[in-house]
Amino acid sequence: MAEVDWITWKTDPKELIDKEKIESNLNNKTTEINSIMDNLSNSLKLEVEKGGLNKESLHINGETPGNEVANKILNKIEVIKNINTKLNNKIMDQANKQKQVEKEQLITAIEEKVIEQEKILENTKALRDRLTANNGLISSNEVESIIHTTEEKITMLKERLERAKAI
């Protein structure tokens, strides 16, 4: 699976691939296809067993071409149904792998943002420690406000990280 470049620390987990929705859609479409195939198969079987496509209906040089073709069609229907099942399994396998890639990218993006915010917090605290009372550029209240805001961001990011890990 390819990485995706749209995932950032801000990405809502609901934006990641929804494998449950994919599975539901696959199941619905498979049910529709199987219903069509089963109807066709049942009609053909009825004709093979009791109708104009049975072995007694048409003989040409000891062969029953209608019956043989009908049985080939019945076999092909089963092959198609098996291919559809394998395809669905492959699609779900790929969806699971993609979900894992997206989850890991989200976790990495959030972890990187946490590290960035922790560096900001560390630098801001170092600034606070060097701040003198007669400093005219920034007040100690402004520095404390930045520290408090950064701590809140870190807490929020860690909560977001835990939710991402729980996906």
Protein backbone atom coordinates (compact mmCIF):
# COMPACT_ATOMS: atom_id res chain seq x y z
CA MET A 1 0.00 0.00 0.00
CA ALA A 2 1.14 3.47 -0.75
CA GLU A 3 1.58 6.09 1.85
CA VAL A 4 -0.83 8.95 1.74
CA ASP A 5 0.38 12.52 1.97
CA TRP A 6 -2.78 14.11 3.30
CA ILE A 7 -2.57 12.75 6.85
CA THR A 8 -1.45 15.28 9.45
CA TRP A 9 -1.76 15.53 13.20
CA LYS A 10 -5.08 17.31 12.61
CA THR A 11 -6.59 14.41 10.65
CA ASP A 12 -9.76 13.06 12.21
CA PRO A 13 -9.63 9.25 12.49
CA LYS A 14 -13.02 9.18 10.76
CA GLU A 15 -11.24 10.41 7.62
CA LEU A 16 -9.16 7.24 7.40
CA ILE A 17 -10.23 4.42 5.13
CA ASP A 18 -13.48 2.92 6.38
CA LYS A 19 -13.03 -0.80 5.96
CA GLU A 20 -16.41 -1.53 7.56
CA LYS A 21 -18.11 0.56 4.88
CA ILE A 22 -16.09 -1.18 2.17
CA GLU A 23 -17.03 -4.57 3.59
CA SER A 24 -20.69 -3.61 3.79
CA ASN A 25 -20.70 -2.40 0.18
CA LEU A 26 -18.90 -5.54 -0.97
CA ASN A 27 -21.37 -7.75 0.87
CA ASN A 28 -24.33 -5.89 -0.62
CA LYS A 29 -22.98 -6.12 -4.16
CA THR A 30 -21.98 -9.76 -3.69
CA THR A 31 -25.47 -10.56 -2.47
CA GLU A 32 -26.92 -8.88 -5.56
CA ILE A 33 -24.54 -10.71 -7.91
CA ASN A 34 -25.10 -14.04 -6.19
CA SER A 35 -28.85 -13.56 -6.37
CA ILE A 36 -28.65 -12.99 -10.12
CA MET A 37 -26.29 -15.93 -10.55
CA ASP A 38 -28.42 -18.19 -8.38
CA ASN A 39 -31.57 -17.32 -10.33
CA LEU A 40 -29.80 -18.02 -13.59
CA SER A 41 -28.27 -21.21 -12.23
CA ASN A 42 -31.56 -22.47 -10.79
CA SER A 43 -33.42 -21.81 -14.05
CA LEU A 44 -30.71 -23.55 -16.03
CA LYS A 45 -30.62 -26.51 -13.61
CA LEU A 46 -34.36 -26.90 -13.94
CA GLU A 47 -34.02 -27.04 -17.72
CA VAL A 48 -31.13 -29.50 -17.46
CA GLU A 49 -32.99 -31.78 -15.07
CA LYS A 50 -36.56 -31.62 -16.39
CA GLY A 51 -36.68 -29.47 -19.47
CA GLY A 52 -35.35 -29.07 -22.95
CA LEU A 53 -31.70 -29.23 -21.93
CA ASN A 54 -31.73 -32.66 -20.36
CA LYS A 55 -29.68 -35.53 -21.81
CA GLU A 56 -32.69 -37.07 -23.53
CA SER A 57 -33.83 -33.92 -25.37
CA LEU A 58 -31.48 -33.60 -28.29
CA HIS A 59 -29.03 -36.23 -29.48
CA ILE A 60 -26.63 -35.57 -32.29
CA ASN A 61 -24.31 -38.45 -33.03
CA GLY A 62 -24.70 -39.70 -29.48
CA GLU A 63 -23.99 -36.30 -27.92
CA THR A 64 -26.30 -33.85 -26.23
CA PRO A 65 -24.87 -30.41 -27.07
CA GLY A 66 -27.57 -28.42 -25.26
CA ASN A 67 -27.01 -30.37 -22.06
CA GLU A 68 -23.24 -30.12 -22.35
CA VAL A 69 -23.29 -26.36 -22.92
CA ALA A 70 -25.77 -25.88 -20.07
CA ASN A 71 -23.49 -27.81 -17.71
CA LYS A 72 -20.50 -25.74 -18.85
CA ILE A 73 -22.47 -22.59 -18.11
CA LEU A 74 -23.40 -23.92 -14.65
CA ASN A 75 -19.72 -24.65 -13.98
CA LYS A 76 -18.73 -21.15 -15.17
CA ILE A 77 -21.30 -19.63 -12.84
CA GLU A 78 -19.64 -21.40 -9.91
CA VAL A 79 -16.22 -20.25 -11.14
CA ILE A 80 -17.47 -16.66 -11.30
CA LYS A 81 -18.87 -16.90 -7.77
CA ASN A 82 -15.55 -18.30 -6.49
CA ILE A 83 -13.59 -15.55 -8.26
CA ASN A 84 -15.91 -12.97 -6.71
CA THR A 85 -15.28 -14.41 -3.24
CA LYS A 86 -11.50 -14.35 -3.80
CA LEU A 87 -11.70 -10.80 -5.11
CA ASN A 88 -13.70 -9.68 -2.07
CA ASN A 89 -11.13 -11.29 0.23
CA LYS A 90 -8.31 -9.54 -1.63
CA ILE A 91 -10.08 -6.19 -1.44
CA MET A 92 -10.65 -6.57 2.31
CA ASP A 93 -7.04 -7.63 2.82
CA GLN A 94 -5.87 -4.51 1.00
CA ALA A 95 -8.33 -2.32 2.93
CA ASN A 96 -6.97 -3.72 6.21
CA LYS A 97 -3.38 -3.05 5.11
CA GLN A 98 -4.26 0.47 3.99
CA LYS A 99 -6.03 1.15 7.30
CA GLN A 100 -2.87 0.08 9.14
CA VAL A 101 -0.67 2.33 6.96
CA GLU A 102 -2.96 5.29 7.53
CA LYS A 103 -3.16 4.60 11.26
CA GLU A 104 0.64 4.44 11.54
CA GLN A 105 1.01 7.68 9.57
CA LEU A 106 -1.51 9.40 11.81
CA ILE A 107 0.28 8.19 14.94
CA THR A 108 3.64 9.34 13.57
CA ALA A 109 2.25 12.77 12.64
CA ILE A 110 0.77 13.25 16.12
CA GLU A 111 3.96 12.05 17.84
CA GLU A 112 6.00 14.52 15.79
CA LYS A 113 3.63 17.32 16.77
CA VAL A 114 3.92 16.33 20.45
CA ILE A 115 7.72 16.50 20.20
CA GLU A 116 7.48 19.90 18.52
CA GLN A 117 5.18 21.25 21.25
CA GLU A 118 7.38 19.80 24.00
CA LYS A 119 10.37 21.66 22.50
CA ILE A 120 8.32 24.86 22.44
CA LEU A 121 7.39 24.28 26.08
CA GLU A 122 11.00 23.61 27.03
CA ASN A 123 12.22 26.76 25.23
CA THR A 124 9.45 28.88 26.74
CA LYS A 125 10.29 27.67 30.25
CA ALA A 126 13.96 28.46 29.59
CA LEU A 127 12.92 31.95 28.50
CA ARG A 128 10.86 32.38 31.68
CA ASP A 129 13.88 31.44 33.78
CA ARG A 130 16.03 34.06 32.03
CA LEU A 131 13.40 36.78 32.13
CA THR A 132 14.27 39.81 34.19
CA ALA A 133 11.79 42.08 35.91
CA ASN A 134 12.74 45.15 33.91
CA ASN A 135 12.35 43.42 30.54
CA GLY A 136 10.22 45.59 28.26
CA LEU A 137 9.71 43.11 25.40
CA ILE A 138 7.57 40.44 27.02
CA SER A 139 5.97 40.17 30.43
CA SER A 140 6.19 37.17 32.71
CA ASN A 141 2.37 36.85 32.47
CA GLU A 142 2.61 36.49 28.69
CA VAL A 143 5.28 33.81 29.06
CA GLU A 144 3.17 31.96 31.64
CA SER A 145 0.20 32.15 29.29
CA ILE A 146 2.26 30.63 26.48
CA ILE A 147 3.45 27.86 28.83
CA HIS A 148 -0.11 27.12 29.93
CA THR A 149 -1.42 27.09 26.33
CA THR A 150 1.41 24.83 25.19
CA GLU A 151 0.78 22.40 28.06
CA GLU A 152 -2.89 22.26 27.05
CA LYS A 153 -1.91 21.55 23.44
CA ILE A 154 0.39 18.75 24.56
CA THR A 155 -2.38 17.22 26.68
CA MET A 156 -4.82 17.45 23.76
CA LEU A 157 -2.28 15.91 21.39
CA LYS A 158 -1.57 13.03 23.76
CA GLU A 159 -5.30 12.33 24.04
CA ARG A 160 -5.55 12.42 20.24
CA LEU A 161 -2.57 10.05 20.08
CA GLU A 162 -4.26 7.57 22.40
CA ARG A 163 -7.42 7.65 20.28
CA ALA A 164 -5.36 7.09 17.13
CA LYS A 165 -3.59 4.12 18.71
CA ALA A 166 -6.96 2.63 19.66
CA ILE A 167 -8.17 2.58 16.04
